[in-house]
Amino acid sequence: MEISSLVVKTAPEHLNEVLRTLESFGGCDIHFNDESGKIVITIESSSNDEMIKKMQEIIDIKHVVTADLAYTYSDENQ
C-alpha cells in the first residue's frame, strides 16, 4: 500500500473546477483548500507504479500549476 500527500496549486479562478476533477479521482481525498488556490490531498494506491501514474494524472489536470509531494508512506506488507 502506498499513501502520499500532495500540495496542489491552481489559480483562484480555477479552484472549483480543479476540486471537482480531484473529487472524481478514485483513491484521492481532499483535506484542505483555500481561496488562494492551494489544495492539500492524499492519494492511495496498491503499488509504487500506480502511485506515480496517479501523481502524473494530477499534474496533467487542466489548470493545475504545481503538484508538490509533501509526504509518502509505503508498506509492502499491506
PDB file of N, CA and C in Angstrom:
ATOM      1  N   MET A   1       0.844  -1.170   0.000  1.00  0.00           N
ATOM      2  CA  MET A   1       0.000   0.000   0.000  1.00  0.00           C
ATOM      3  C   MET A   1       0.893   1.237   0.000  1.00  0.00           C
ATOM      4  N   GLU A   2       0.501   2.219  -0.764  1.00  0.00           N
ATOM      5  CA  GLU A   2       1.206   3.492  -0.867  1.00  0.00           C
ATOM      6  C   GLU A   2       0.234   4.612  -0.528  1.00  0.00           C
ATOM      7  N   ILE A   3       0.678   5.560   0.288  1.00  0.00           N
ATOM      8  CA  ILE A   3      -0.104   6.754   0.598  1.00  0.00           C
ATOM      9  C   ILE A   3       0.815   7.947   0.429  1.00  0.00           C
ATOM     10  N   SER A   4       0.359   8.947  -0.300  1.00  0.00           N
ATOM     11  CA  SER A   4       1.138  10.165  -0.497  1.00  0.00           C
ATOM     12  C   SER A   4       0.263  11.380  -0.281  1.00  0.00           C
ATOM     13  N   SER A   5       0.891  12.423   0.224  1.00  0.00           N
ATOM     14  CA  SER A   5       0.221  13.705   0.395  1.00  0.00           C
ATOM     15  C   SER A   5       0.841  14.694  -0.580  1.00  0.00           C
ATOM     16  N   LEU A   6      -0.008  15.460  -1.248  1.00  0.00           N
ATOM     17  CA  LEU A   6       0.459  16.454  -2.209  1.00  0.00           C
ATOM     18  C   LEU A   6      -0.178  17.799  -1.921  1.00  0.00           C
ATOM     19  N   VAL A   7       0.562  18.846  -2.242  1.00  0.00           N
ATOM     20  CA  VAL A   7       0.027  20.197  -2.226  1.00  0.00           C
ATOM     21  C   VAL A   7      -0.137  20.603  -3.685  1.00  0.00           C
ATOM     22  N   VAL A   8      -1.383  20.787  -4.074  1.00  0.00           N
ATOM     23  CA  VAL A   8      -1.725  21.132  -5.456  1.00  0.00           C
ATOM     24  C   VAL A   8      -2.032  22.622  -5.497  1.00  0.00           C
ATOM     25  N   LYS A   9      -1.517  23.305  -6.510  1.00  0.00           N
ATOM     26  CA  LYS A   9      -1.744  24.750  -6.636  1.00  0.00           C
ATOM     27  C   LYS A   9      -2.393  25.041  -7.979  1.00  0.00           C
ATOM     28  N   THR A  10      -3.426  25.886  -7.935  1.00  0.00           N
ATOM     29  CA  THR A  10      -4.105  26.345  -9.137  1.00  0.00           C
ATOM     30  C   THR A  10      -4.413  27.828  -8.970  1.00  0.00           C
ATOM     31  N   ALA A  11      -4.788  28.476 -10.033  1.00  0.00           N
ATOM     32  CA  ALA A  11      -5.211  29.873  -9.939  1.00  0.00           C
ATOM     33  C   ALA A  11      -6.559  29.918  -9.221  1.00  0.00           C
ATOM     34  N   PRO A  12      -6.791  30.931  -8.405  1.00  0.00           N
ATOM     35  CA  PRO A  12      -8.047  31.008  -7.644  1.00  0.00           C
ATOM     36  C   PRO A  12      -9.298  30.874  -8.507  1.00  0.00           C
ATOM     37  N   GLU A  13      -9.279  31.413  -9.699  1.00  0.00           N
ATOM     38  CA  GLU A  13     -10.468  31.345 -10.553  1.00  0.00           C
ATOM     39  C   GLU A  13     -10.750  29.938 -11.076  1.00  0.00           C
ATOM     40  N   HIS A  14      -9.795  29.024 -10.934  1.00  0.00           N
ATOM     41  CA  HIS A  14      -9.978  27.641 -11.394  1.00  0.00           C
ATOM     42  C   HIS A  14     -10.106  26.651 -10.237  1.00  0.00           C
ATOM     43  N   LEU A  15     -10.145  27.154  -9.011  1.00  0.00           N
ATOM     44  CA  LEU A  15     -10.164  26.283  -7.835  1.00  0.00           C
ATOM     45  C   LEU A  15     -11.316  25.285  -7.867  1.00  0.00           C
ATOM     46  N   ASN A  16     -12.525  25.741  -8.079  1.00  0.00           N
ATOM     47  CA  ASN A  16     -13.682  24.835  -8.053  1.00  0.00           C
ATOM     48  C   ASN A  16     -13.611  23.782  -9.149  1.00  0.00           C
ATOM     49  N   GLU A  17     -13.145  24.159 -10.319  1.00  0.00           N
ATOM     50  CA  GLU A  17     -13.015  23.199 -11.421  1.00  0.00           C
ATOM     51  C   GLU A  17     -11.996  22.110 -11.071  1.00  0.00           C
ATOM     52  N   VAL A  18     -10.856  22.507 -10.528  1.00  0.00           N
ATOM     53  CA  VAL A  18      -9.825  21.534 -10.151  1.00  0.00           C
ATOM     54  C   VAL A  18     -10.320  20.654  -9.002  1.00  0.00           C
ATOM     55  N   LEU A  19     -11.017  21.238  -8.032  1.00  0.00           N
ATOM     56  CA  LEU A  19     -11.581  20.441  -6.934  1.00  0.00           C
ATOM     57  C   LEU A  19     -12.548  19.384  -7.452  1.00  0.00           C
ATOM     58  N   ARG A  20     -13.410  19.759  -8.388  1.00  0.00           N
ATOM     59  CA  ARG A  20     -14.360  18.785  -8.955  1.00  0.00           C
ATOM     60  C   ARG A  20     -13.618  17.645  -9.654  1.00  0.00           C
ATOM     61  N   THR A  21     -12.565  17.986 -10.373  1.00  0.00           N
ATOM     62  CA  THR A  21     -11.794  16.950 -11.064  1.00  0.00           C
ATOM     63  C   THR A  21     -11.119  16.025 -10.058  1.00  0.00           C
ATOM     64  N   LEU A  22     -10.521  16.586  -9.021  1.00  0.00           N
ATOM     65  CA  LEU A  22      -9.871  15.763  -7.995  1.00  0.00           C
ATOM     66  C   LEU A  22     -10.875  14.865  -7.281  1.00  0.00           C
ATOM     67  N   GLU A  23     -12.069  15.382  -7.023  1.00  0.00           N
ATOM     68  CA  GLU A  23     -13.107  14.589  -6.354  1.00  0.00           C
ATOM     69  C   GLU A  23     -13.515  13.376  -7.178  1.00  0.00           C
ATOM     70  N   SER A  24     -13.356  13.449  -8.486  1.00  0.00           N
ATOM     71  CA  SER A  24     -13.741  12.336  -9.355  1.00  0.00           C
ATOM     72  C   SER A  24     -12.675  11.241  -9.408  1.00  0.00           C
ATOM     73  N   PHE A  25     -11.486  11.507  -8.890  1.00  0.00           N
ATOM     74  CA  PHE A  25     -10.406  10.526  -8.882  1.00  0.00           C
ATOM     75  C   PHE A  25     -10.655   9.502  -7.781  1.00  0.00           C
ATOM     76  N   GLY A  26     -10.523   8.241  -8.089  1.00  0.00           N
ATOM     77  CA  GLY A  26     -10.604   7.210  -7.064  1.00  0.00           C
ATOM     78  C   GLY A  26      -9.356   7.219  -6.202  1.00  0.00           C
ATOM     79  N   GLY A  27      -9.523   7.033  -4.902  1.00  0.00           N
ATOM     80  CA  GLY A  27      -8.376   6.985  -4.007  1.00  0.00           C
ATOM     81  C   GLY A  27      -7.754   8.327  -3.705  1.00  0.00           C
ATOM     82  N   CYS A  28      -8.489   9.403  -3.938  1.00  0.00           N
ATOM     83  CA  CYS A  28      -7.995  10.757  -3.686  1.00  0.00           C
ATOM     84  C   CYS A  28      -8.911  11.442  -2.675  1.00  0.00           C
ATOM     85  N   ASP A  29      -8.322  11.924  -1.586  1.00  0.00           N
ATOM     86  CA  ASP A  29      -9.086  12.641  -0.563  1.00  0.00           C
ATOM     87  C   ASP A  29      -8.578  14.073  -0.462  1.00  0.00           C
ATOM     88  N   ILE A  30      -9.503  15.027  -0.451  1.00  0.00           N
ATOM     89  CA  ILE A  30      -9.162  16.440  -0.314  1.00  0.00           C
ATOM     90  C   ILE A  30      -9.292  16.802   1.162  1.00  0.00           C
ATOM     91  N   HIS A  31      -8.218  17.346   1.730  1.00  0.00           N
ATOM     92  CA  HIS A  31      -8.203  17.668   3.156  1.00  0.00           C
ATOM     93  C   HIS A  31      -8.275  19.161   3.432  1.00  0.00           C
ATOM     94  N   PHE A  32      -7.868  19.977   2.471  1.00  0.00           N
ATOM     95  CA  PHE A  32      -7.826  21.421   2.692  1.00  0.00           C
ATOM     96  C   PHE A  32      -7.787  22.128   1.347  1.00  0.00           C
ATOM     97  N   ASN A  33      -8.432  23.279   1.293  1.00  0.00           N
ATOM     98  CA  ASN A  33      -8.248  24.185   0.160  1.00  0.00           C
ATOM     99  C   ASN A  33      -8.550  25.590   0.645  1.00  0.00           C
ATOM    100  N   ASP A  34      -7.969  26.564  -0.046  1.00  0.00           N
ATOM    101  CA  ASP A  34      -8.246  27.949   0.322  1.00  0.00           C
ATOM    102  C   ASP A  34      -8.422  28.802  -0.927  1.00  0.00           C
ATOM    103  N   GLU A  35      -8.837  30.038  -0.706  1.00  0.00           N
ATOM    104  CA  GLU A  35      -9.170  30.931  -1.815  1.00  0.00           C
ATOM    105  C   GLU A  35      -7.957  31.323  -2.652  1.00  0.00           C
ATOM    106  N   SER A  36      -6.745  31.044  -2.175  1.00  0.00           N
ATOM    107  CA  SER A  36      -5.551  31.349  -2.971  1.00  0.00           C
ATOM    108  C   SER A  36      -5.293  30.288  -4.039  1.00  0.00           C
ATOM    109  N   GLY A  37      -6.011  29.150  -3.965  1.00  0.00           N
ATOM    110  CA  GLY A  37      -5.840  28.079  -4.944  1.00  0.00           C
ATOM    111  C   GLY A  37      -4.996  26.921  -4.453  1.00  0.00           C
ATOM    112  N   LYS A  38      -4.683  26.898  -3.163  1.00  0.00           N
ATOM    113  CA  LYS A  38      -3.900  25.808  -2.588  1.00  0.00           C
ATOM    114  C   LYS A  38      -4.840  24.692  -2.145  1.00  0.00           C
ATOM    115  N   ILE A  39      -4.473  23.444  -2.490  1.00  0.00           N
ATOM    116  CA  ILE A  39      -5.271  22.267  -2.165  1.00  0.00           C
ATOM    117  C   ILE A  39      -4.335  21.203  -1.583  1.00  0.00           C
ATOM    118  N   VAL A  40      -4.712  20.615  -0.460  1.00  0.00           N
ATOM    119  CA  VAL A  40      -3.930  19.533   0.136  1.00  0.00           C
ATOM    120  C   VAL A  40      -4.729  18.245  -0.013  1.00  0.00           C
ATOM    121  N   ILE A  41      -4.094  17.234  -0.602  1.00  0.00           N
ATOM    122  CA  ILE A  41      -4.763  15.959  -0.857  1.00  0.00           C
ATOM    123  C   ILE A  41      -3.897  14.795  -0.389  1.00  0.00           C
ATOM    124  N   THR A  42      -4.533  13.648  -0.208  1.00  0.00           N
ATOM    125  CA  THR A  42      -3.811  12.387  -0.094  1.00  0.00           C
ATOM    126  C   THR A  42      -4.336  11.461  -1.180  1.00  0.00           C
ATOM    127  N   ILE A  43      -3.434  10.642  -1.683  1.00  0.00           N
ATOM    128  CA  ILE A  43      -3.818   9.635  -2.668  1.00  0.00           C
ATOM    129  C   ILE A  43      -3.290   8.284  -2.194  1.00  0.00           C
ATOM    130  N   GLU A  44      -4.060   7.254  -2.478  1.00  0.00           N
ATOM    131  CA  GLU A  44      -3.699   5.891  -2.102  1.00  0.00           C
ATOM    132  C   GLU A  44      -3.599   5.034  -3.352  1.00  0.00           C
ATOM    133  N   SER A  45      -2.691   4.081  -3.301  1.00  0.00           N
ATOM    134  CA  SER A  45      -2.559   3.136  -4.408  1.00  0.00           C
ATOM    135  C   SER A  45      -2.014   1.818  -3.873  1.00  0.00           C
ATOM    136  N   SER A  46      -2.055   0.815  -4.708  1.00  0.00           N
ATOM    137  CA  SER A  46      -1.588  -0.507  -4.291  1.00  0.00           C
ATOM    138  C   SER A  46      -0.117  -0.750  -4.620  1.00  0.00           C
ATOM    139  N   SER A  47       0.485   0.123  -5.441  1.00  0.00           N
ATOM    140  CA  SER A  47       1.886  -0.061  -5.815  1.00  0.00           C
ATOM    141  C   SER A  47       2.537   1.286  -6.118  1.00  0.00           C
ATOM    142  N   ASN A  48       3.847   1.283  -6.134  1.00  0.00           N
ATOM    143  CA  ASN A  48       4.600   2.489  -6.460  1.00  0.00           C
ATOM    144  C   ASN A  48       4.303   2.945  -7.889  1.00  0.00           C
ATOM    145  N   ASP A  49       4.229   2.011  -8.817  1.00  0.00           N
ATOM    146  CA  ASP A  49       3.938   2.368 -10.210  1.00  0.00           C
ATOM    147  C   ASP A  49       2.573   3.028 -10.343  1.00  0.00           C
ATOM    148  N   GLU A  50       1.584   2.495  -9.629  1.00  0.00           N
ATOM    149  CA  GLU A  50       0.248   3.086  -9.664  1.00  0.00           C
ATOM    150  C   GLU A  50       0.266   4.488  -9.048  1.00  0.00           C
ATOM    151  N   MET A  51       1.052   4.673  -7.982  1.00  0.00           N
ATOM    152  CA  MET A  51       1.155   5.990  -7.344  1.00  0.00           C
ATOM    153  C   MET A  51       1.748   7.006  -8.314  1.00  0.00           C
ATOM    154  N   ILE A  52       2.791   6.627  -8.990  1.00  0.00           N
ATOM    155  CA  ILE A  52       3.416   7.527  -9.964  1.00  0.00           C
ATOM    156  C   ILE A  52       2.421   7.896 -11.053  1.00  0.00           C
ATOM    157  N   LYS A  53       1.645   6.923 -11.519  1.00  0.00           N
ATOM    158  CA  LYS A  53       0.638   7.191 -12.547  1.00  0.00           C
ATOM    159  C   LYS A  53      -0.411   8.181 -12.038  1.00  0.00           C
ATOM    160  N   LYS A  54      -0.909   7.971 -10.807  1.00  0.00           N
ATOM    161  CA  LYS A  54      -1.913   8.881 -10.244  1.00  0.00           C
ATOM    162  C   LYS A  54      -1.353  10.291 -10.078  1.00  0.00           C
ATOM    163  N   MET A  55      -0.104  10.390  -9.620  1.00  0.00           N
ATOM    164  CA  MET A  55       0.508  11.705  -9.453  1.00  0.00           C
ATOM    165  C   MET A  55       0.627  12.419 -10.796  1.00  0.00           C
ATOM    166  N   GLN A  56       0.998  11.688 -11.829  1.00  0.00           N
ATOM    167  CA  GLN A  56       1.106  12.295 -13.155  1.00  0.00           C
ATOM    168  C   GLN A  56      -0.257  12.748 -13.660  1.00  0.00           C
ATOM    169  N   GLU A  57      -1.292  11.970 -13.392  1.00  0.00           N
ATOM    170  CA  GLU A  57      -2.648  12.371 -13.788  1.00  0.00           C
ATOM    171  C   GLU A  57      -3.058  13.670 -13.100  1.00  0.00           C
ATOM    172  N   ILE A  58      -2.668  13.834 -11.849  1.00  0.00           N
ATOM    173  CA  ILE A  58      -2.984  15.071 -11.128  1.00  0.00           C
ATOM    174  C   ILE A  58      -2.209  16.242 -11.717  1.00  0.00           C
ATOM    175  N   ILE A  59      -0.937  16.038 -11.999  1.00  0.00           N
ATOM    176  CA  ILE A  59      -0.124  17.086 -12.622  1.00  0.00           C
ATOM    177  C   ILE A  59      -0.720  17.512 -13.954  1.00  0.00           C
ATOM    178  N   ASP A  60      -1.305  16.562 -14.678  1.00  0.00           N
ATOM    179  CA  ASP A  60      -1.851  16.832 -16.013  1.00  0.00           C
ATOM    180  C   ASP A  60      -3.247  17.446 -16.006  1.00  0.00           C
ATOM    181  N   ILE A  61      -3.868  17.610 -14.838  1.00  0.00           N
ATOM    182  CA  ILE A  61      -5.198  18.220 -14.784  1.00  0.00           C
ATOM    183  C   ILE A  61      -5.110  19.650 -15.311  1.00  0.00           C
ATOM    184  N   LYS A  62      -6.058  19.991 -16.151  1.00  0.00           N
ATOM    185  CA  LYS A  62      -6.112  21.349 -16.695  1.00  0.00           C
ATOM    186  C   LYS A  62      -6.172  22.354 -15.545  1.00  0.00           C
ATOM    187  N   HIS A  63      -5.361  23.376 -15.614  1.00  0.00           N
ATOM    188  CA  HIS A  63      -5.264  24.487 -14.658  1.00  0.00           C
ATOM    189  C   HIS A  63      -4.466  24.163 -13.399  1.00  0.00           C
ATOM    190  N   VAL A  64      -3.916  22.956 -13.268  1.00  0.00           N
ATOM    191  CA  VAL A  64      -3.010  22.688 -12.149  1.00  0.00           C
ATOM    192  C   VAL A  64      -1.659  23.310 -12.496  1.00  0.00           C
ATOM    193  N   VAL A  65      -1.179  24.180 -11.608  1.00  0.00           N
ATOM    194  CA  VAL A  65       0.103  24.849 -11.822  1.00  0.00           C
ATOM    195  C   VAL A  65       1.238  23.988 -11.278  1.00  0.00           C
ATOM    196  N   THR A  66       1.070  23.488 -10.049  1.00  0.00           N
ATOM    197  CA  THR A  66       2.054  22.592  -9.449  1.00  0.00           C
ATOM    198  C   THR A  66       1.334  21.531  -8.626  1.00  0.00           C
ATOM    199  N   ALA A  67       2.001  20.410  -8.445  1.00  0.00           N
ATOM    200  CA  ALA A  67       1.544  19.350  -7.543  1.00  0.00           C
ATOM    201  C   ALA A  67       2.796  18.821  -6.856  1.00  0.00           C
ATOM    202  N   ASP A  68       3.050  19.327  -5.661  1.00  0.00           N
ATOM    203  CA  ASP A  68       4.287  19.020  -4.949  1.00  0.00           C
ATOM    204  C   ASP A  68       4.068  17.928  -3.911  1.00  0.00           C
ATOM    205  N   LEU A  69       4.942  16.938  -3.939  1.00  0.00           N
ATOM    206  CA  LEU A  69       4.887  15.844  -2.977  1.00  0.00           C
ATOM    207  C   LEU A  69       5.307  16.361  -1.606  1.00  0.00           C
ATOM    208  N   ALA A  70       4.458  16.170  -0.608  1.00  0.00           N
ATOM    209  CA  ALA A  70       4.758  16.611   0.752  1.00  0.00           C
ATOM    210  C   ALA A  70       5.180  15.438   1.635  1.00  0.00           C
ATOM    211  N   TYR A  71       4.604  14.254   1.394  1.00  0.00           N
ATOM    212  CA  TYR A  71       4.867  13.100   2.248  1.00  0.00           C
ATOM    213  C   TYR A  71       4.497  11.843   1.483  1.00  0.00           C
ATOM    214  N   THR A  72       5.233  10.765   1.740  1.00  0.00           N
ATOM    215  CA  THR A  72       4.866   9.480   1.155  1.00  0.00           C
ATOM    216  C   THR A  72       5.141   8.359   2.160  1.00  0.00           C
ATOM    217  N   TYR A  73       4.287   7.351   2.138  1.00  0.00           N
ATOM    218  CA  TYR A  73       4.396   6.197   3.024  1.00  0.00           C
ATOM    219  C   TYR A  73       4.183   4.943   2.188  1.00  0.00           C
ATOM    220  N   SER A  74       5.013   3.958   2.434  1.00  0.00           N
ATOM    221  CA  SER A  74       4.896   2.698   1.712  1.00  0.00           C
ATOM    222  C   SER A  74       4.959   1.546   2.705  1.00  0.00           C
ATOM    223  N   ASP A  75       4.025   0.606   2.563  1.00  0.00           N
ATOM    224  CA  ASP A  75       4.011  -0.591   3.396  1.00  0.00           C
ATOM    225  C   ASP A  75       3.887  -1.789   2.473  1.00  0.00           C
ATOM    226  N   GLU A  76       4.987  -2.484   2.293  1.00  0.00           N
ATOM    227  CA  GLU A  76       4.999  -3.628   1.384  1.00  0.00           C
ATOM    228  C   GLU A  76       4.208  -4.808   1.924  1.00  0.00           C
ATOM    229  N   ASN A  77       3.870  -4.804   3.198  1.00  0.00           N
ATOM    230  CA  ASN A  77       3.136  -5.913   3.809  1.00  0.00           C
ATOM    231  C   ASN A  77       1.633  -5.795   3.644  1.00  0.00           C
ATOM    232  N   GLN A  78       1.148  -4.703   3.135  1.00  0.00           N
ATOM    233  CA  GLN A  78      -0.292  -4.479   3.001  1.00  0.00           C
ATOM    234  C   GLN A  78      -0.771  -4.970   1.665  1.00  0.00           C
TER     235      GLN A  78
END
